[in-house]
Amino acid sequence: MKIVHLLLLLGSLCLNAHAADYPTNTPFADRYPPDTITNAQRAREVIQAYEHEKDLWDDWYEAEKKACYRNFFVTYCLDSVREERYTHIQEARQVWLVARDFLRKERSDEAVKTRKENEAKQAAKNERIEAEAAERAKAKKKQPVKTTPSSRKPAEARPDRTLSAEEEKANEEAFEQKQIKHQERVAEQEEKAPTPPSETEQERIDERAKRRAEAEKRKIENIRKREAKAAEYERQLKLREEQKAQGLVNQLNP
């Protein structure tokens, strides 16, 4: 009977051997509630605190392992301190996961925002280039046709050769093909854009459909722009032919 009491006493000493010197008695979730993670600074603070928490429990575990080897029930003591460490770290990890997902979503939103800003800048740049080209064409059209003998010299005698109608049309077609390829690359990048980890499957499907609709809308707008430019090109070509015919008549009339 005395041996049984002695074993029970040794067992209780083993159970209490590692219960006094915990790194902290307050759960991690109470010190860093998940609902307080509402900005990136708080999320980074929680992640840093979690790493420190793991280090504390690892140090505690190593110290307790050494103490277990001085107890009677060594295996039971080692299993107990190992389970204690695992439980506390897993509780802290649940809060860490919330902070990690918050930062991932913020980075994803920032990437989408940056891409849209770059697209808006590129669209504004393209519009400015087209407007400048239209202004130059308009100014060139308003220049009066000279009837002096110097203007009747053949074109090859001038130092600056003007492009022929075929060359200008080829340049227009090359530019249009370049714009089409650019829009296709933008649409492809939007299809491959990462989605925030917290989105549901239906939200990801809706986001892809929205991006496809926006890409289709831009494609239709580009087609309309190309049609308008083609019409303007045909009009300018017709006007140029009329001006050439008028110049020929002036040369024939003494």
C-alpha atoms as a PDB file:
ATOM      1  CA  MET A   1       0.000   0.000   0.000  1.00  0.00           C
ATOM      2  CA  LYS A   2       2.837   2.328   0.780  1.00  0.00           C
ATOM      3  CA  ILE A   3       4.331   1.615  -2.657  1.00  0.00           C
ATOM      4  CA  VAL A   4       1.080   2.678  -4.337  1.00  0.00           C
ATOM      5  CA  HIS A   5       0.999   5.933  -2.387  1.00  0.00           C
ATOM      6  CA  LEU A   6       4.620   6.526  -3.278  1.00  0.00           C
ATOM      7  CA  LEU A   7       3.911   6.015  -6.991  1.00  0.00           C
ATOM      8  CA  LEU A   8       0.943   8.367  -6.820  1.00  0.00           C
ATOM      9  CA  LEU A   9       3.103  10.972  -5.099  1.00  0.00           C
ATOM     10  CA  LEU A  10       5.795  10.629  -7.754  1.00  0.00           C
ATOM     11  CA  GLY A  11       3.161  10.934 -10.472  1.00  0.00           C
ATOM     12  CA  SER A  12       1.745  14.127  -8.989  1.00  0.00           C
ATOM     13  CA  LEU A  13       5.238  15.581  -8.732  1.00  0.00           C
ATOM     14  CA  CYS A  14       5.759  14.790 -12.431  1.00  0.00           C
ATOM     15  CA  LEU A  15       2.495  16.447 -13.407  1.00  0.00           C
ATOM     16  CA  ASN A  16       3.343  19.613 -11.470  1.00  0.00           C
ATOM     17  CA  ALA A  17       6.978  19.710 -12.593  1.00  0.00           C
ATOM     18  CA  HIS A  18       6.234  21.896 -15.623  1.00  0.00           C
ATOM     19  CA  ALA A  19       3.065  23.755 -14.572  1.00  0.00           C
ATOM     20  CA  ALA A  20       4.597  26.671 -12.716  1.00  0.00           C
ATOM     21  CA  ASP A  21       6.976  28.416 -15.085  1.00  0.00           C
ATOM     22  CA  TYR A  22       4.903  28.998 -18.254  1.00  0.00           C
ATOM     23  CA  PRO A  23       6.186  31.786 -20.552  1.00  0.00           C
ATOM     24  CA  THR A  24       2.780  33.463 -20.103  1.00  0.00           C
ATOM     25  CA  ASN A  25      -0.504  32.600 -18.451  1.00  0.00           C
ATOM     26  CA  THR A  26      -2.600  34.749 -20.808  1.00  0.00           C
ATOM     27  CA  PRO A  27      -3.695  33.112 -24.105  1.00  0.00           C
ATOM     28  CA  PHE A  28      -2.318  34.682 -27.262  1.00  0.00           C
ATOM     29  CA  ALA A  29      -5.826  35.335 -28.630  1.00  0.00           C
ATOM     30  CA  ASP A  30      -6.659  37.375 -25.517  1.00  0.00           C
ATOM     31  CA  ARG A  31      -3.580  39.532 -25.962  1.00  0.00           C
ATOM     32  CA  TYR A  32      -4.076  39.867 -29.732  1.00  0.00           C
ATOM     33  CA  PRO A  33      -7.794  39.417 -30.547  1.00  0.00           C
ATOM     34  CA  PRO A  34      -8.348  38.508 -34.217  1.00  0.00           C
ATOM     35  CA  ASP A  35     -11.034  41.180 -34.636  1.00  0.00           C
ATOM     36  CA  THR A  36      -8.444  43.890 -33.945  1.00  0.00           C
ATOM     37  CA  ILE A  37      -6.507  43.011 -37.127  1.00  0.00           C
ATOM     38  CA  THR A  38      -7.955  45.783 -39.299  1.00  0.00           C
ATOM     39  CA  ASN A  39      -4.819  47.280 -40.852  1.00  0.00           C
ATOM     40  CA  ALA A  40      -1.427  46.186 -42.139  1.00  0.00           C
ATOM     41  CA  GLN A  41       0.497  47.598 -39.187  1.00  0.00           C
ATOM     42  CA  ARG A  42      -1.564  45.577 -36.714  1.00  0.00           C
ATOM     43  CA  ALA A  43      -1.210  42.437 -38.854  1.00  0.00           C
ATOM     44  CA  ARG A  44       2.583  42.763 -38.942  1.00  0.00           C
ATOM     45  CA  GLU A  45       2.612  43.349 -35.185  1.00  0.00           C
ATOM     46  CA  VAL A  46       0.659  40.116 -34.614  1.00  0.00           C
ATOM     47  CA  ILE A  47       2.980  38.137 -36.911  1.00  0.00           C
ATOM     48  CA  GLN A  48       6.035  39.434 -35.069  1.00  0.00           C
ATOM     49  CA  ALA A  49       4.433  38.624 -31.700  1.00  0.00           C
ATOM     50  CA  TYR A  50       3.649  35.100 -32.887  1.00  0.00           C
ATOM     51  CA  GLU A  51       7.292  34.472 -33.831  1.00  0.00           C
ATOM     52  CA  HIS A  52       8.354  35.716 -30.384  1.00  0.00           C
ATOM     53  CA  GLU A  53       5.709  33.508 -28.765  1.00  0.00           C
ATOM     54  CA  LYS A  54       7.062  30.421 -30.537  1.00  0.00           C
ATOM     55  CA  ASP A  55      10.602  31.217 -29.392  1.00  0.00           C
ATOM     56  CA  LEU A  56       9.437  31.503 -25.757  1.00  0.00           C
ATOM     57  CA  TRP A  57       7.623  28.183 -25.850  1.00  0.00           C
ATOM     58  CA  ASP A  58      10.549  26.487 -27.596  1.00  0.00           C
ATOM     59  CA  ASP A  59      12.918  27.693 -24.870  1.00  0.00           C
ATOM     60  CA  TRP A  60      10.449  26.552 -22.205  1.00  0.00           C
ATOM     61  CA  TYR A  61      10.164  23.137 -23.865  1.00  0.00           C
ATOM     62  CA  GLU A  62      13.927  22.624 -23.945  1.00  0.00           C
ATOM     63  CA  ALA A  63      14.227  23.542 -20.255  1.00  0.00           C
ATOM     64  CA  GLU A  64      11.332  21.254 -19.282  1.00  0.00           C
ATOM     65  CA  LYS A  65      12.794  18.328 -21.224  1.00  0.00           C
ATOM     66  CA  LYS A  66      15.928  18.531 -19.111  1.00  0.00           C
ATOM     67  CA  ALA A  67      13.799  18.599 -15.969  1.00  0.00           C
ATOM     68  CA  CYS A  68      11.807  15.569 -17.131  1.00  0.00           C
ATOM     69  CA  TYR A  69      14.925  13.400 -17.197  1.00  0.00           C
ATOM     70  CA  ARG A  70      15.256  13.950 -13.446  1.00  0.00           C
ATOM     71  CA  ASN A  71      11.717  12.665 -12.784  1.00  0.00           C
ATOM     72  CA  PHE A  72      10.506   9.121 -12.282  1.00  0.00           C
ATOM     73  CA  PHE A  73       8.010   9.006 -15.200  1.00  0.00           C
ATOM     74  CA  VAL A  74      10.312  10.381 -17.894  1.00  0.00           C
ATOM     75  CA  THR A  75       8.248   9.351 -20.939  1.00  0.00           C
ATOM     76  CA  TYR A  76       5.001  10.633 -19.508  1.00  0.00           C
ATOM     77  CA  CYS A  77       6.653  13.919 -18.535  1.00  0.00           C
ATOM     78  CA  LEU A  78       8.142  14.399 -22.016  1.00  0.00           C
ATOM     79  CA  ASP A  79       4.804  13.718 -23.697  1.00  0.00           C
ATOM     80  CA  SER A  80       3.064  16.125 -21.355  1.00  0.00           C
ATOM     81  CA  VAL A  81       5.401  19.080 -21.946  1.00  0.00           C
ATOM     82  CA  ARG A  82       5.416  18.383 -25.700  1.00  0.00           C
ATOM     83  CA  GLU A  83       1.593  18.476 -25.784  1.00  0.00           C
ATOM     84  CA  GLU A  84       1.561  21.652 -23.674  1.00  0.00           C
ATOM     85  CA  ARG A  85       3.898  23.437 -26.081  1.00  0.00           C
ATOM     86  CA  TYR A  86       1.977  22.236 -29.151  1.00  0.00           C
ATOM     87  CA  THR A  87      -1.393  23.359 -27.737  1.00  0.00           C
ATOM     88  CA  HIS A  88      -0.234  26.898 -26.950  1.00  0.00           C
ATOM     89  CA  ILE A  89       1.536  27.366 -30.289  1.00  0.00           C
ATOM     90  CA  GLN A  90      -1.498  26.116 -32.229  1.00  0.00           C
ATOM     91  CA  GLU A  91      -3.770  28.562 -30.380  1.00  0.00           C
ATOM     92  CA  ALA A  92      -1.424  31.411 -31.303  1.00  0.00           C
ATOM     93  CA  ARG A  93      -1.203  30.131 -34.890  1.00  0.00           C
ATOM     94  CA  GLN A  94      -4.954  30.616 -35.404  1.00  0.00           C
ATOM     95  CA  VAL A  95      -4.486  34.354 -34.808  1.00  0.00           C
ATOM     96  CA  TRP A  96      -1.364  34.344 -36.997  1.00  0.00           C
ATOM     97  CA  LEU A  97      -3.370  32.885 -39.895  1.00  0.00           C
ATOM     98  CA  VAL A  98      -5.840  35.782 -39.711  1.00  0.00           C
ATOM     99  CA  ALA A  99      -2.974  38.306 -39.859  1.00  0.00           C
ATOM    100  CA  ARG A 100      -1.286  36.449 -42.727  1.00  0.00           C
ATOM    101  CA  ASP A 101      -4.494  36.323 -44.827  1.00  0.00           C
ATOM    102  CA  PHE A 102      -5.096  40.036 -44.183  1.00  0.00           C
ATOM    103  CA  LEU A 103      -1.654  40.958 -45.554  1.00  0.00           C
ATOM    104  CA  ARG A 104      -2.104  38.664 -48.558  1.00  0.00           C
ATOM    105  CA  LYS A 105      -5.426  40.273 -49.457  1.00  0.00           C
ATOM    106  CA  GLU A 106      -3.959  43.763 -49.031  1.00  0.00           C
ATOM    107  CA  ARG A 107      -1.046  42.927 -51.366  1.00  0.00           C
ATOM    108  CA  SER A 108      -3.458  41.488 -53.923  1.00  0.00           C
ATOM    109  CA  ASP A 109      -5.679  44.588 -53.775  1.00  0.00           C
ATOM    110  CA  GLU A 110      -2.616  46.810 -54.105  1.00  0.00           C
ATOM    111  CA  ALA A 111      -1.457  44.869 -57.183  1.00  0.00           C
ATOM    112  CA  VAL A 112      -4.875  45.234 -58.820  1.00  0.00           C
ATOM    113  CA  LYS A 113      -4.914  48.951 -58.014  1.00  0.00           C
ATOM    114  CA  THR A 114      -1.413  49.452 -59.451  1.00  0.00           C
ATOM    115  CA  ARG A 115      -2.328  47.574 -62.635  1.00  0.00           C
ATOM    116  CA  LYS A 116      -5.433  49.699 -63.160  1.00  0.00           C
ATOM    117  CA  GLU A 117      -3.444  52.908 -62.588  1.00  0.00           C
ATOM    118  CA  ASN A 118      -0.838  51.808 -65.143  1.00  0.00           C
ATOM    119  CA  GLU A 119      -3.559  50.966 -67.659  1.00  0.00           C
ATOM    120  CA  ALA A 120      -5.200  54.367 -67.105  1.00  0.00           C
ATOM    121  CA  LYS A 121      -1.833  56.115 -67.620  1.00  0.00           C
ATOM    122  CA  GLN A 122      -1.184  54.144 -70.807  1.00  0.00           C
ATOM    123  CA  ALA A 123      -4.681  54.917 -72.129  1.00  0.00           C
ATOM    124  CA  ALA A 124      -4.191  58.630 -71.399  1.00  0.00           C
ATOM    125  CA  LYS A 125      -0.806  58.547 -73.139  1.00  0.00           C
ATOM    126  CA  ASN A 126      -2.312  56.868 -76.209  1.00  0.00           C
ATOM    127  CA  GLU A 127      -5.121  59.426 -76.340  1.00  0.00           C
ATOM    128  CA  ARG A 128      -2.593  62.264 -76.095  1.00  0.00           C
ATOM    129  CA  ILE A 129      -0.512  60.807 -78.922  1.00  0.00           C
ATOM    130  CA  GLU A 130      -3.588  60.395 -81.112  1.00  0.00           C
ATOM    131  CA  ALA A 131      -4.744  63.941 -80.326  1.00  0.00           C
ATOM    132  CA  GLU A 132      -1.319  65.360 -81.210  1.00  0.00           C
ATOM    133  CA  ALA A 133      -1.298  63.400 -84.478  1.00  0.00           C
ATOM    134  CA  ALA A 134      -4.767  64.704 -85.308  1.00  0.00           C
ATOM    135  CA  GLU A 135      -3.675  68.275 -84.569  1.00  0.00           C
ATOM    136  CA  ARG A 136      -0.641  67.926 -86.829  1.00  0.00           C
ATOM    137  CA  ALA A 137      -2.789  66.516 -89.617  1.00  0.00           C
ATOM    138  CA  LYS A 138      -5.302  69.332 -89.156  1.00  0.00           C
ATOM    139  CA  ALA A 139      -2.577  71.996 -89.226  1.00  0.00           C
ATOM    140  CA  LYS A 140      -1.028  70.449 -92.331  1.00  0.00           C
ATOM    141  CA  LYS A 141      -4.386  70.414 -94.099  1.00  0.00           C
ATOM    142  CA  LYS A 142      -4.955  74.127 -93.371  1.00  0.00           C
ATOM    143  CA  GLN A 143      -1.687  75.170 -95.045  1.00  0.00           C
ATOM    144  CA  PRO A 144      -2.427  77.019 -98.357  1.00  0.00           C
ATOM    145  CA  VAL A 145      -1.301  75.456-101.617  1.00  0.00           C
ATOM    146  CA  LYS A 146       1.540  77.517-103.108  1.00  0.00           C
ATOM    147  CA  THR A 147       1.410  78.328-106.823  1.00  0.00           C
ATOM    148  CA  THR A 148       4.920  79.744-107.063  1.00  0.00           C
ATOM    149  CA  PRO A 149       7.386  78.102-109.486  1.00  0.00           C
ATOM    150  CA  SER A 150       9.251  76.578-106.522  1.00  0.00           C
ATOM    151  CA  SER A 151       6.133  74.611-105.553  1.00  0.00           C
ATOM    152  CA  ARG A 152       6.000  73.067-109.051  1.00  0.00           C
ATOM    153  CA  LYS A 153       9.316  71.274-108.579  1.00  0.00           C
ATOM    154  CA  PRO A 154       9.107  67.507-108.546  1.00  0.00           C
ATOM    155  CA  ALA A 155       8.818  65.894-105.137  1.00  0.00           C
ATOM    156  CA  GLU A 156      12.147  64.071-105.417  1.00  0.00           C
ATOM    157  CA  ALA A 157      13.987  67.426-105.625  1.00  0.00           C
ATOM    158  CA  ARG A 158      12.817  68.407-102.132  1.00  0.00           C
ATOM    159  CA  PRO A 159      15.079  67.581 -99.184  1.00  0.00           C
ATOM    160  CA  ASP A 160      12.210  66.159 -97.068  1.00  0.00           C
ATOM    161  CA  ARG A 161      10.259  63.424 -98.880  1.00  0.00           C
ATOM    162  CA  THR A 162       6.592  63.028 -97.915  1.00  0.00           C
ATOM    163  CA  LEU A 163       5.097  59.573 -97.462  1.00  0.00           C
ATOM    164  CA  SER A 164       2.957  58.144-100.206  1.00  0.00           C
ATOM    165  CA  ALA A 165      -0.642  57.069 -99.618  1.00  0.00           C
ATOM    166  CA  GLU A 166       0.396  53.398 -99.603  1.00  0.00           C
ATOM    167  CA  GLU A 167       3.139  54.021 -97.030  1.00  0.00           C
ATOM    168  CA  GLU A 168       0.816  55.958 -94.761  1.00  0.00           C
ATOM    169  CA  LYS A 169      -1.793  53.199 -94.991  1.00  0.00           C
ATOM    170  CA  ALA A 170       0.840  50.572 -94.151  1.00  0.00           C
ATOM    171  CA  ASN A 171       1.906  52.610 -91.101  1.00  0.00           C
ATOM    172  CA  GLU A 172      -1.724  52.906 -89.984  1.00  0.00           C
ATOM    173  CA  GLU A 173      -2.262  49.167 -90.291  1.00  0.00           C
ATOM    174  CA  ALA A 174       0.942  48.401 -88.368  1.00  0.00           C
ATOM    175  CA  PHE A 175      -0.109  50.755 -85.582  1.00  0.00           C
ATOM    176  CA  GLU A 176      -3.563  49.149 -85.401  1.00  0.00           C
ATOM    177  CA  GLN A 177      -2.051  45.655 -85.171  1.00  0.00           C
ATOM    178  CA  LYS A 178       0.215  46.830 -82.376  1.00  0.00           C
ATOM    179  CA  GLN A 179      -2.781  48.222 -80.459  1.00  0.00           C
ATOM    180  CA  ILE A 180      -4.709  44.966 -80.907  1.00  0.00           C
ATOM    181  CA  LYS A 181      -1.795  42.912 -79.571  1.00  0.00           C
ATOM    182  CA  HIS A 182      -1.468  45.271 -76.615  1.00  0.00           C
ATOM    183  CA  GLN A 183      -5.141  44.866 -75.710  1.00  0.00           C
ATOM    184  CA  GLU A 184      -4.837  41.106 -76.025  1.00  0.00           C
ATOM    185  CA  ARG A 185      -1.868  41.093 -73.640  1.00  0.00           C
ATOM    186  CA  VAL A 186      -3.794  43.234 -71.148  1.00  0.00           C
ATOM    187  CA  ALA A 187      -6.784  40.867 -71.328  1.00  0.00           C
ATOM    188  CA  GLU A 188      -4.506  37.859 -70.844  1.00  0.00           C
ATOM    189  CA  GLN A 189      -2.859  39.449 -67.800  1.00  0.00           C
ATOM    190  CA  GLU A 190      -6.244  40.224 -66.311  1.00  0.00           C
ATOM    191  CA  GLU A 191      -7.292  36.591 -66.761  1.00  0.00           C
ATOM    192  CA  LYS A 192      -4.148  35.490 -64.891  1.00  0.00           C
ATOM    193  CA  ALA A 193      -4.471  38.134 -62.154  1.00  0.00           C
ATOM    194  CA  PRO A 194      -4.299  36.582 -58.617  1.00  0.00           C
ATOM    195  CA  THR A 195      -7.438  36.559 -56.522  1.00  0.00           C
ATOM    196  CA  PRO A 196      -7.500  37.318 -52.796  1.00  0.00           C
ATOM    197  CA  PRO A 197      -7.324  34.093 -50.688  1.00  0.00           C
ATOM    198  CA  SER A 198     -10.458  34.987 -48.701  1.00  0.00           C
ATOM    199  CA  GLU A 199     -12.756  35.100 -51.777  1.00  0.00           C
ATOM    200  CA  THR A 200     -15.317  32.354 -52.313  1.00  0.00           C
ATOM    201  CA  GLU A 201     -15.474  30.337 -55.530  1.00  0.00           C
ATOM    202  CA  GLN A 202     -18.529  32.285 -56.725  1.00  0.00           C
ATOM    203  CA  GLU A 203     -16.773  35.612 -56.046  1.00  0.00           C
ATOM    204  CA  ARG A 204     -13.757  34.458 -58.089  1.00  0.00           C
ATOM    205  CA  ILE A 205     -16.065  33.423 -60.949  1.00  0.00           C
ATOM    206  CA  ASP A 206     -17.851  36.798 -60.822  1.00  0.00           C
ATOM    207  CA  GLU A 207     -14.509  38.653 -60.776  1.00  0.00           C
ATOM    208  CA  ARG A 208     -13.270  36.753 -63.850  1.00  0.00           C
ATOM    209  CA  ALA A 209     -16.549  37.457 -65.667  1.00  0.00           C
ATOM    210  CA  LYS A 210     -16.234  41.138 -64.793  1.00  0.00           C
ATOM    211  CA  ARG A 211     -12.678  41.294 -66.152  1.00  0.00           C
ATOM    212  CA  ARG A 212     -13.725  39.538 -69.354  1.00  0.00           C
ATOM    213  CA  ALA A 213     -16.620  41.984 -69.799  1.00  0.00           C
ATOM    214  CA  GLU A 214     -14.270  44.960 -69.307  1.00  0.00           C
ATOM    215  CA  ALA A 215     -11.797  43.497 -71.815  1.00  0.00           C
ATOM    216  CA  GLU A 216     -14.596  42.938 -74.346  1.00  0.00           C
ATOM    217  CA  LYS A 217     -15.834  46.495 -73.828  1.00  0.00           C
ATOM    218  CA  ARG A 218     -12.358  47.900 -74.473  1.00  0.00           C
ATOM    219  CA  LYS A 219     -12.055  45.707 -77.568  1.00  0.00           C
ATOM    220  CA  ILE A 220     -15.337  47.110 -78.945  1.00  0.00           C
ATOM    221  CA  GLU A 221     -14.191  50.668 -78.190  1.00  0.00           C
ATOM    222  CA  ASN A 222     -10.911  50.040 -80.015  1.00  0.00           C
ATOM    223  CA  ILE A 223     -12.799  48.693 -83.025  1.00  0.00           C
ATOM    224  CA  ARG A 224     -14.919  51.841 -83.105  1.00  0.00           C
ATOM    225  CA  LYS A 225     -11.820  54.007 -82.849  1.00  0.00           C
ATOM    226  CA  ARG A 226     -10.160  52.127 -85.700  1.00  0.00           C
ATOM    227  CA  GLU A 227     -13.287  52.519 -87.861  1.00  0.00           C
ATOM    228  CA  ALA A 228     -13.371  56.242 -87.131  1.00  0.00           C
ATOM    229  CA  LYS A 229      -9.667  56.558 -87.967  1.00  0.00           C
ATOM    230  CA  ALA A 230     -10.176  54.598 -91.196  1.00  0.00           C
ATOM    231  CA  ALA A 231     -13.030  56.904 -92.194  1.00  0.00           C
ATOM    232  CA  GLU A 232     -10.876  59.939 -91.420  1.00  0.00           C
ATOM    233  CA  TYR A 233      -8.013  58.421 -93.418  1.00  0.00           C
ATOM    234  CA  GLU A 234     -10.287  57.863 -96.435  1.00  0.00           C
ATOM    235  CA  ARG A 235     -11.584  61.421 -96.163  1.00  0.00           C
ATOM    236  CA  GLN A 236      -8.049  62.868 -96.027  1.00  0.00           C
ATOM    237  CA  LEU A 237      -6.986  60.656 -98.927  1.00  0.00           C
ATOM    238  CA  LYS A 238      -9.896  61.885-101.003  1.00  0.00           C
ATOM    239  CA  LEU A 239      -9.110  65.495-100.092  1.00  0.00           C
ATOM    240  CA  ARG A 240      -5.476  64.961-101.062  1.00  0.00           C
ATOM    241  CA  GLU A 241      -6.486  63.602-104.455  1.00  0.00           C
ATOM    242  CA  GLU A 242      -8.698  66.624-104.996  1.00  0.00           C
ATOM    243  CA  GLN A 243      -5.828  68.955-104.064  1.00  0.00           C
ATOM    244  CA  LYS A 244      -3.502  67.175-106.480  1.00  0.00           C
ATOM    245  CA  ALA A 245      -6.087  67.453-109.247  1.00  0.00           C
ATOM    246  CA  GLN A 246      -6.533  71.157-108.495  1.00  0.00           C
ATOM    247  CA  GLY A 247      -2.756  71.679-108.563  1.00  0.00           C
ATOM    248  CA  LEU A 248      -2.544  69.930-111.935  1.00  0.00           C
ATOM    249  CA  VAL A 249      -5.217  72.212-113.334  1.00  0.00           C
ATOM    250  CA  ASN A 250      -3.298  75.268-112.097  1.00  0.00           C
ATOM    251  CA  GLN A 251      -0.150  74.001-113.804  1.00  0.00           C
ATOM    252  CA  LEU A 252      -1.956  73.433-117.116  1.00  0.00           C
ATOM    253  CA  ASN A 253      -3.558  76.881-117.103  1.00  0.00           C
ATOM    254  CA  PRO A 254      -0.888  79.498-118.009  1.00  0.00           C
END
